[in-house]
Amino acid sequence: MEHIRQLLTIVGSLIIVVGAAWVAHGTHMVSLPGTDFMPKDSVWTVNGSLVAIFGLIVLVGARFLLPRDHEPSA
């Protein structure tokens, strides 16, 4: 179960980073020349926020809802 927790923690963190990047690009805080297909578009800001919230839910679920593997005491 510990491997699943670690995997979901990594995946949740990556989802949050992707959502934050969408928000930053949608609000024009980050501008990449030549690839500006979402300039100052509120749709990308909303979508990025929703993706980041989903990533936070995955992260919290992995950290607090999945049980930890405890080694028995000797």
PDB file of N, CA and C in Angstrom:
ATOM      1  N   MET A   1       0.819  -1.193   0.000  1.00  0.00           N
ATOM      2  CA  MET A   1       0.000   0.000   0.000  1.00  0.00           C
ATOM      3  C   MET A   1       0.868   1.264   0.000  1.00  0.00           C
ATOM      4  N   GLU A   2       2.065   1.122   0.550  1.00  0.00           N
ATOM      5  CA  GLU A   2       2.962   2.282   0.613  1.00  0.00           C
ATOM      6  C   GLU A   2       3.386   2.739  -0.782  1.00  0.00           C
ATOM      7  N   HIS A   3       3.541   1.792  -1.703  1.00  0.00           N
ATOM      8  CA  HIS A   3       3.918   2.151  -3.074  1.00  0.00           C
ATOM      9  C   HIS A   3       2.799   2.929  -3.758  1.00  0.00           C
ATOM     10  N   ILE A   4       1.573   2.559  -3.478  1.00  0.00           N
ATOM     11  CA  ILE A   4       0.430   3.276  -4.054  1.00  0.00           C
ATOM     12  C   ILE A   4       0.366   4.694  -3.498  1.00  0.00           C
ATOM     13  N   ARG A   5       0.622   4.825  -2.193  1.00  0.00           N
ATOM     14  CA  ARG A   5       0.650   6.163  -1.581  1.00  0.00           C
ATOM     15  C   ARG A   5       1.705   7.040  -2.233  1.00  0.00           C
ATOM     16  N   GLN A   6       2.888   6.505  -2.425  1.00  0.00           N
ATOM     17  CA  GLN A   6       3.969   7.279  -3.039  1.00  0.00           C
ATOM     18  C   GLN A   6       3.635   7.649  -4.478  1.00  0.00           C
ATOM     19  N   LEU A   7       3.076   6.704  -5.224  1.00  0.00           N
ATOM     20  CA  LEU A   7       2.703   6.969  -6.611  1.00  0.00           C
ATOM     21  C   LEU A   7       1.631   8.051  -6.691  1.00  0.00           C
ATOM     22  N   LEU A   8       0.600   7.953  -5.859  1.00  0.00           N
ATOM     23  CA  LEU A   8      -0.463   8.959  -5.878  1.00  0.00           C
ATOM     24  C   LEU A   8       0.032  10.319  -5.392  1.00  0.00           C
ATOM     25  N   THR A   9       0.985  10.339  -4.488  1.00  0.00           N
ATOM     26  CA  THR A   9       1.569  11.601  -4.046  1.00  0.00           C
ATOM     27  C   THR A   9       2.315  12.273  -5.192  1.00  0.00           C
ATOM     28  N   ILE A  10       3.079  11.503  -5.938  1.00  0.00           N
ATOM     29  CA  ILE A  10       3.811  12.060  -7.084  1.00  0.00           C
ATOM     30  C   ILE A  10       2.845  12.519  -8.161  1.00  0.00           C
ATOM     31  N   VAL A  11       1.855  11.690  -8.479  1.00  0.00           N
ATOM     32  CA  VAL A  11       0.878  12.041  -9.514  1.00  0.00           C
ATOM     33  C   VAL A  11       0.086  13.280  -9.112  1.00  0.00           C
ATOM     34  N   GLY A  12      -0.362  13.345  -7.863  1.00  0.00           N
ATOM     35  CA  GLY A  12      -1.094  14.520  -7.390  1.00  0.00           C
ATOM     36  C   GLY A  12      -0.258  15.785  -7.462  1.00  0.00           C
ATOM     37  N   SER A  13       1.014  15.676  -7.119  1.00  0.00           N
ATOM     38  CA  SER A  13       1.900  16.838  -7.197  1.00  0.00           C
ATOM     39  C   SER A  13       2.089  17.302  -8.636  1.00  0.00           C
ATOM     40  N   LEU A  14       2.252  16.357  -9.552  1.00  0.00           N
ATOM     41  CA  LEU A  14       2.401  16.716 -10.963  1.00  0.00           C
ATOM     42  C   LEU A  14       1.129  17.346 -11.525  1.00  0.00           C
ATOM     43  N   ILE A  15      -0.017  16.848 -11.105  1.00  0.00           N
ATOM     44  CA  ILE A  15      -1.284  17.432 -11.553  1.00  0.00           C
ATOM     45  C   ILE A  15      -1.404  18.870 -11.062  1.00  0.00           C
ATOM     46  N   ILE A  16      -0.994  19.132  -9.835  1.00  0.00           N
ATOM     47  CA  ILE A  16      -1.034  20.497  -9.297  1.00  0.00           C
ATOM     48  C   ILE A  16      -0.111  21.410 -10.102  1.00  0.00           C
ATOM     49  N   VAL A  17       1.074  20.926 -10.450  1.00  0.00           N
ATOM     50  CA  VAL A  17       2.015  21.732 -11.239  1.00  0.00           C
ATOM     51  C   VAL A  17       1.432  22.053 -12.611  1.00  0.00           C
ATOM     52  N   VAL A  18       0.806  21.074 -13.257  1.00  0.00           N
ATOM     53  CA  VAL A  18       0.196  21.309 -14.568  1.00  0.00           C
ATOM     54  C   VAL A  18      -0.936  22.329 -14.454  1.00  0.00           C
ATOM     55  N   GLY A  19      -1.773  22.188 -13.443  1.00  0.00           N
ATOM     56  CA  GLY A  19      -2.857  23.151 -13.245  1.00  0.00           C
ATOM     57  C   GLY A  19      -2.337  24.553 -12.985  1.00  0.00           C
ATOM     58  N   ALA A  20      -1.286  24.660 -12.183  1.00  0.00           N
ATOM     59  CA  ALA A  20      -0.703  25.977 -11.916  1.00  0.00           C
ATOM     60  C   ALA A  20      -0.100  26.582 -13.179  1.00  0.00           C
ATOM     61  N   ALA A  21       0.499  25.740 -14.019  1.00  0.00           N
ATOM     62  CA  ALA A  21       1.052  26.239 -15.285  1.00  0.00           C
ATOM     63  C   ALA A  21      -0.055  26.746 -16.195  1.00  0.00           C
ATOM     64  N   TRP A  22      -1.189  26.041 -16.239  1.00  0.00           N
ATOM     65  CA  TRP A  22      -2.320  26.499 -17.055  1.00  0.00           C
ATOM     66  C   TRP A  22      -2.857  27.828 -16.543  1.00  0.00           C
ATOM     67  N   VAL A  23      -2.954  27.962 -15.227  1.00  0.00           N
ATOM     68  CA  VAL A  23      -3.434  29.226 -14.651  1.00  0.00           C
ATOM     69  C   VAL A  23      -2.458  30.349 -14.979  1.00  0.00           C
ATOM     70  N   ALA A  24      -1.174  30.094 -14.815  1.00  0.00           N
ATOM     71  CA  ALA A  24      -0.167  31.125 -15.098  1.00  0.00           C
ATOM     72  C   ALA A  24      -0.177  31.525 -16.565  1.00  0.00           C
ATOM     73  N   HIS A  25      -0.345  30.564 -17.439  1.00  0.00           N
ATOM     74  CA  HIS A  25      -0.356  30.880 -18.864  1.00  0.00           C
ATOM     75  C   HIS A  25      -1.675  31.541 -19.263  1.00  0.00           C
ATOM     76  N   GLY A  26      -2.779  31.105 -18.656  1.00  0.00           N
ATOM     77  CA  GLY A  26      -4.081  31.699 -18.967  1.00  0.00           C
ATOM     78  C   GLY A  26      -4.220  33.129 -18.484  1.00  0.00           C
ATOM     79  N   THR A  27      -3.542  33.463 -17.393  1.00  0.00           N
ATOM     80  CA  THR A  27      -3.570  34.835 -16.879  1.00  0.00           C
ATOM     81  C   THR A  27      -2.452  35.682 -17.466  1.00  0.00           C
ATOM     82  N   HIS A  28      -1.666  35.088 -18.338  1.00  0.00           N
ATOM     83  CA  HIS A  28      -0.564  35.751 -19.042  1.00  0.00           C
ATOM     84  C   HIS A  28       0.584  36.127 -18.101  1.00  0.00           C
ATOM     85  N   MET A  29       0.703  35.387 -16.994  1.00  0.00           N
ATOM     86  CA  MET A  29       1.851  35.571 -16.115  1.00  0.00           C
ATOM     87  C   MET A  29       3.085  34.930 -16.740  1.00  0.00           C
ATOM     88  N   VAL A  30       2.872  33.877 -17.524  1.00  0.00           N
ATOM     89  CA  VAL A  30       3.935  33.192 -18.252  1.00  0.00           C
ATOM     90  C   VAL A  30       3.577  33.270 -19.723  1.00  0.00           C
ATOM     91  N   SER A  31       4.509  33.707 -20.528  1.00  0.00           N
ATOM     92  CA  SER A  31       4.262  33.835 -21.958  1.00  0.00           C
ATOM     93  C   SER A  31       5.385  33.157 -22.719  1.00  0.00           C
ATOM     94  N   LEU A  32       5.029  32.117 -23.449  1.00  0.00           N
ATOM     95  CA  LEU A  32       6.017  31.410 -24.248  1.00  0.00           C
ATOM     96  C   LEU A  32       5.871  31.850 -25.694  1.00  0.00           C
ATOM     97  N   PRO A  33       6.896  32.445 -26.260  1.00  0.00           N
ATOM     98  CA  PRO A  33       6.780  32.912 -27.646  1.00  0.00           C
ATOM     99  C   PRO A  33       6.634  31.747 -28.621  1.00  0.00           C
ATOM    100  N   GLY A  34       5.754  31.941 -29.575  1.00  0.00           N
ATOM    101  CA  GLY A  34       5.541  30.930 -30.597  1.00  0.00           C
ATOM    102  C   GLY A  34       4.531  29.863 -30.231  1.00  0.00           C
ATOM    103  N   THR A  35       4.224  29.726 -28.947  1.00  0.00           N
ATOM    104  CA  THR A  35       3.259  28.714 -28.521  1.00  0.00           C
ATOM    105  C   THR A  35       2.112  29.353 -27.755  1.00  0.00           C
ATOM    106  N   ASP A  36       1.826  30.569 -28.043  1.00  0.00           N
ATOM    107  CA  ASP A  36       0.834  31.307 -27.263  1.00  0.00           C
ATOM    108  C   ASP A  36      -0.573  31.015 -27.776  1.00  0.00           C
ATOM    109  N   PHE A  37      -1.082  29.823 -27.455  1.00  0.00           N
ATOM    110  CA  PHE A  37      -2.411  29.451 -27.904  1.00  0.00           C
ATOM    111  C   PHE A  37      -3.480  29.697 -26.848  1.00  0.00           C
ATOM    112  N   MET A  38      -3.102  30.183 -25.678  1.00  0.00           N
ATOM    113  CA  MET A  38      -4.076  30.497 -24.644  1.00  0.00           C
ATOM    114  C   MET A  38      -3.772  31.848 -23.985  1.00  0.00           C
ATOM    115  N   PRO A  39      -3.676  32.907 -24.746  1.00  0.00           N
ATOM    116  CA  PRO A  39      -3.308  34.197 -24.160  1.00  0.00           C
ATOM    117  C   PRO A  39      -4.476  34.849 -23.431  1.00  0.00           C
ATOM    118  N   LYS A  40      -4.270  35.125 -22.185  1.00  0.00           N
ATOM    119  CA  LYS A  40      -5.241  35.840 -21.355  1.00  0.00           C
ATOM    120  C   LYS A  40      -6.658  35.320 -21.560  1.00  0.00           C
ATOM    121  N   ASP A  41      -6.815  34.003 -21.575  1.00  0.00           N
ATOM    122  CA  ASP A  41      -8.119  33.393 -21.770  1.00  0.00           C
ATOM    123  C   ASP A  41      -8.601  32.840 -20.434  1.00  0.00           C
ATOM    124  N   SER A  42      -9.740  33.317 -19.973  1.00  0.00           N
ATOM    125  CA  SER A  42     -10.233  32.916 -18.664  1.00  0.00           C
ATOM    126  C   SER A  42     -10.623  31.443 -18.624  1.00  0.00           C
ATOM    127  N   VAL A  43     -10.888  30.842 -19.769  1.00  0.00           N
ATOM    128  CA  VAL A  43     -11.215  29.418 -19.794  1.00  0.00           C
ATOM    129  C   VAL A  43     -10.036  28.595 -19.280  1.00  0.00           C
ATOM    130  N   TRP A  44      -8.826  28.949 -19.684  1.00  0.00           N
ATOM    131  CA  TRP A  44      -7.642  28.228 -19.229  1.00  0.00           C
ATOM    132  C   TRP A  44      -7.383  28.471 -17.749  1.00  0.00           C
ATOM    133  N   THR A  45      -7.741  29.645 -17.270  1.00  0.00           N
ATOM    134  CA  THR A  45      -7.585  29.927 -15.845  1.00  0.00           C
ATOM    135  C   THR A  45      -8.525  29.054 -15.025  1.00  0.00           C
ATOM    136  N   VAL A  46      -9.772  28.954 -15.467  1.00  0.00           N
ATOM    137  CA  VAL A  46     -10.752  28.123 -14.760  1.00  0.00           C
ATOM    138  C   VAL A  46     -10.362  26.650 -14.857  1.00  0.00           C
ATOM    139  N   ASN A  47     -10.009  26.199 -16.058  1.00  0.00           N
ATOM    140  CA  ASN A  47      -9.607  24.797 -16.228  1.00  0.00           C
ATOM    141  C   ASN A  47      -8.377  24.463 -15.387  1.00  0.00           C
ATOM    142  N   GLY A  48      -7.405  25.357 -15.378  1.00  0.00           N
ATOM    143  CA  GLY A  48      -6.209  25.134 -14.576  1.00  0.00           C
ATOM    144  C   GLY A  48      -6.509  25.082 -13.089  1.00  0.00           C
ATOM    145  N   SER A  49      -7.419  25.927 -12.649  1.00  0.00           N
ATOM    146  CA  SER A  49      -7.818  25.908 -11.238  1.00  0.00           C
ATOM    147  C   SER A  49      -8.489  24.590 -10.882  1.00  0.00           C
ATOM    148  N   LEU A  50      -9.366  24.116 -11.757  1.00  0.00           N
ATOM    149  CA  LEU A  50     -10.050  22.845 -11.506  1.00  0.00           C
ATOM    150  C   LEU A  50      -9.068  21.675 -11.512  1.00  0.00           C
ATOM    151  N   VAL A  51      -8.116  21.699 -12.414  1.00  0.00           N
ATOM    152  CA  VAL A  51      -7.102  20.641 -12.467  1.00  0.00           C
ATOM    153  C   VAL A  51      -6.244  20.673 -11.206  1.00  0.00           C
ATOM    154  N   ALA A  52      -5.856  21.861 -10.762  1.00  0.00           N
ATOM    155  CA  ALA A  52      -5.043  21.976  -9.542  1.00  0.00           C
ATOM    156  C   ALA A  52      -5.825  21.496  -8.320  1.00  0.00           C
ATOM    157  N   ILE A  53      -7.120  21.802  -8.262  1.00  0.00           N
ATOM    158  CA  ILE A  53      -7.950  21.333  -7.146  1.00  0.00           C
ATOM    159  C   ILE A  53      -8.052  19.810  -7.169  1.00  0.00           C
ATOM    160  N   PHE A  54      -8.217  19.239  -8.365  1.00  0.00           N
ATOM    161  CA  PHE A  54      -8.245  17.775  -8.481  1.00  0.00           C
ATOM    162  C   PHE A  54      -6.920  17.172  -8.005  1.00  0.00           C
ATOM    163  N   GLY A  55      -5.812  17.776  -8.378  1.00  0.00           N
ATOM    164  CA  GLY A  55      -4.509  17.299  -7.922  1.00  0.00           C
ATOM    165  C   GLY A  55      -4.372  17.375  -6.410  1.00  0.00           C
ATOM    166  N   LEU A  56      -4.916  18.436  -5.829  1.00  0.00           N
ATOM    167  CA  LEU A  56      -4.890  18.573  -4.374  1.00  0.00           C
ATOM    168  C   LEU A  56      -5.723  17.478  -3.707  1.00  0.00           C
ATOM    169  N   ILE A  57      -6.868  17.147  -4.309  1.00  0.00           N
ATOM    170  CA  ILE A  57      -7.704  16.071  -3.773  1.00  0.00           C
ATOM    171  C   ILE A  57      -6.961  14.740  -3.839  1.00  0.00           C
ATOM    172  N   VAL A  58      -6.282  14.477  -4.952  1.00  0.00           N
ATOM    173  CA  VAL A  58      -5.496  13.242  -5.082  1.00  0.00           C
ATOM    174  C   VAL A  58      -4.380  13.222  -4.041  1.00  0.00           C
ATOM    175  N   LEU A  59      -3.708  14.342  -3.867  1.00  0.00           N
ATOM    176  CA  LEU A  59      -2.603  14.426  -2.911  1.00  0.00           C
ATOM    177  C   LEU A  59      -3.089  14.209  -1.478  1.00  0.00           C
ATOM    178  N   VAL A  60      -4.156  14.880  -1.104  1.00  0.00           N
ATOM    179  CA  VAL A  60      -4.699  14.734   0.253  1.00  0.00           C
ATOM    180  C   VAL A  60      -5.217  13.314   0.464  1.00  0.00           C
ATOM    181  N   GLY A  61      -5.883  12.775  -0.559  1.00  0.00           N
ATOM    182  CA  GLY A  61      -6.367  11.405  -0.448  1.00  0.00           C
ATOM    183  C   GLY A  61      -5.239  10.407  -0.265  1.00  0.00           C
ATOM    184  N   ALA A  62      -4.162  10.609  -0.974  1.00  0.00           N
ATOM    185  CA  ALA A  62      -3.022   9.699  -0.862  1.00  0.00           C
ATOM    186  C   ALA A  62      -2.360   9.815   0.501  1.00  0.00           C
ATOM    187  N   ARG A  63      -2.258  11.007   1.009  1.00  0.00           N
ATOM    188  CA  ARG A  63      -1.531  11.207   2.263  1.00  0.00           C
ATOM    189  C   ARG A  63      -2.357  10.843   3.500  1.00  0.00           C
ATOM    190  N   PHE A  64      -3.674  11.095   3.460  1.00  0.00           N
ATOM    191  CA  PHE A  64      -4.454  10.938   4.688  1.00  0.00           C
ATOM    192  C   PHE A  64      -5.491   9.819   4.653  1.00  0.00           C
ATOM    193  N   LEU A  65      -5.949   9.415   3.479  1.00  0.00           N
ATOM    194  CA  LEU A  65      -7.001   8.410   3.425  1.00  0.00           C
ATOM    195  C   LEU A  65      -6.474   6.989   3.264  1.00  0.00           C
ATOM    196  N   LEU A  66      -5.347   6.834   2.590  1.00  0.00           N
ATOM    197  CA  LEU A  66      -4.772   5.498   2.451  1.00  0.00           C
ATOM    198  C   LEU A  66      -3.985   5.156   3.713  1.00  0.00           C
ATOM    199  N   PRO A  67      -4.183   3.961   4.234  1.00  0.00           N
ATOM    200  CA  PRO A  67      -3.465   3.593   5.463  1.00  0.00           C
ATOM    201  C   PRO A  67      -1.979   3.387   5.199  1.00  0.00           C
ATOM    202  N   ARG A  68      -1.191   3.673   6.199  1.00  0.00           N
ATOM    203  CA  ARG A  68       0.253   3.471   6.105  1.00  0.00           C
ATOM    204  C   ARG A  68       0.581   2.038   6.503  1.00  0.00           C
ATOM    205  N   ASP A  69       1.617   1.521   5.888  1.00  0.00           N
ATOM    206  CA  ASP A  69       2.087   0.187   6.262  1.00  0.00           C
ATOM    207  C   ASP A  69       2.956   0.322   7.501  1.00  0.00           C
ATOM    208  N   HIS A  70       2.545  -0.337   8.575  1.00  0.00           N
ATOM    209  CA  HIS A  70       3.316  -0.302   9.818  1.00  0.00           C
ATOM    210  C   HIS A  70       3.995  -1.650  10.006  1.00  0.00           C
ATOM    211  N   GLU A  71       5.272  -1.588  10.328  1.00  0.00           N
ATOM    212  CA  GLU A  71       5.992  -2.819  10.610  1.00  0.00           C
ATOM    213  C   GLU A  71       5.678  -3.232  12.048  1.00  0.00           C
ATOM    214  N   PRO A  72       5.471  -4.519  12.272  1.00  0.00           N
ATOM    215  CA  PRO A  72       5.166  -4.969  13.638  1.00  0.00           C
ATOM    216  C   PRO A  72       6.365  -4.776  14.563  1.00  0.00           C
ATOM    217  N   SER A  73       6.069  -4.461  15.799  1.00  0.00           N
ATOM    218  CA  SER A  73       7.130  -4.267  16.796  1.00  0.00           C
ATOM    219  C   SER A  73       7.728  -5.612  17.171  1.00  0.00           C
ATOM    220  N   ALA A  74       9.019  -5.608  17.451  1.00  0.00           N
ATOM    221  CA  ALA A  74       9.698  -6.866  17.798  1.00  0.00           C
ATOM    222  C   ALA A  74       9.535  -7.194  19.240  1.00  0.00           C
TER     223      ALA A  74
END
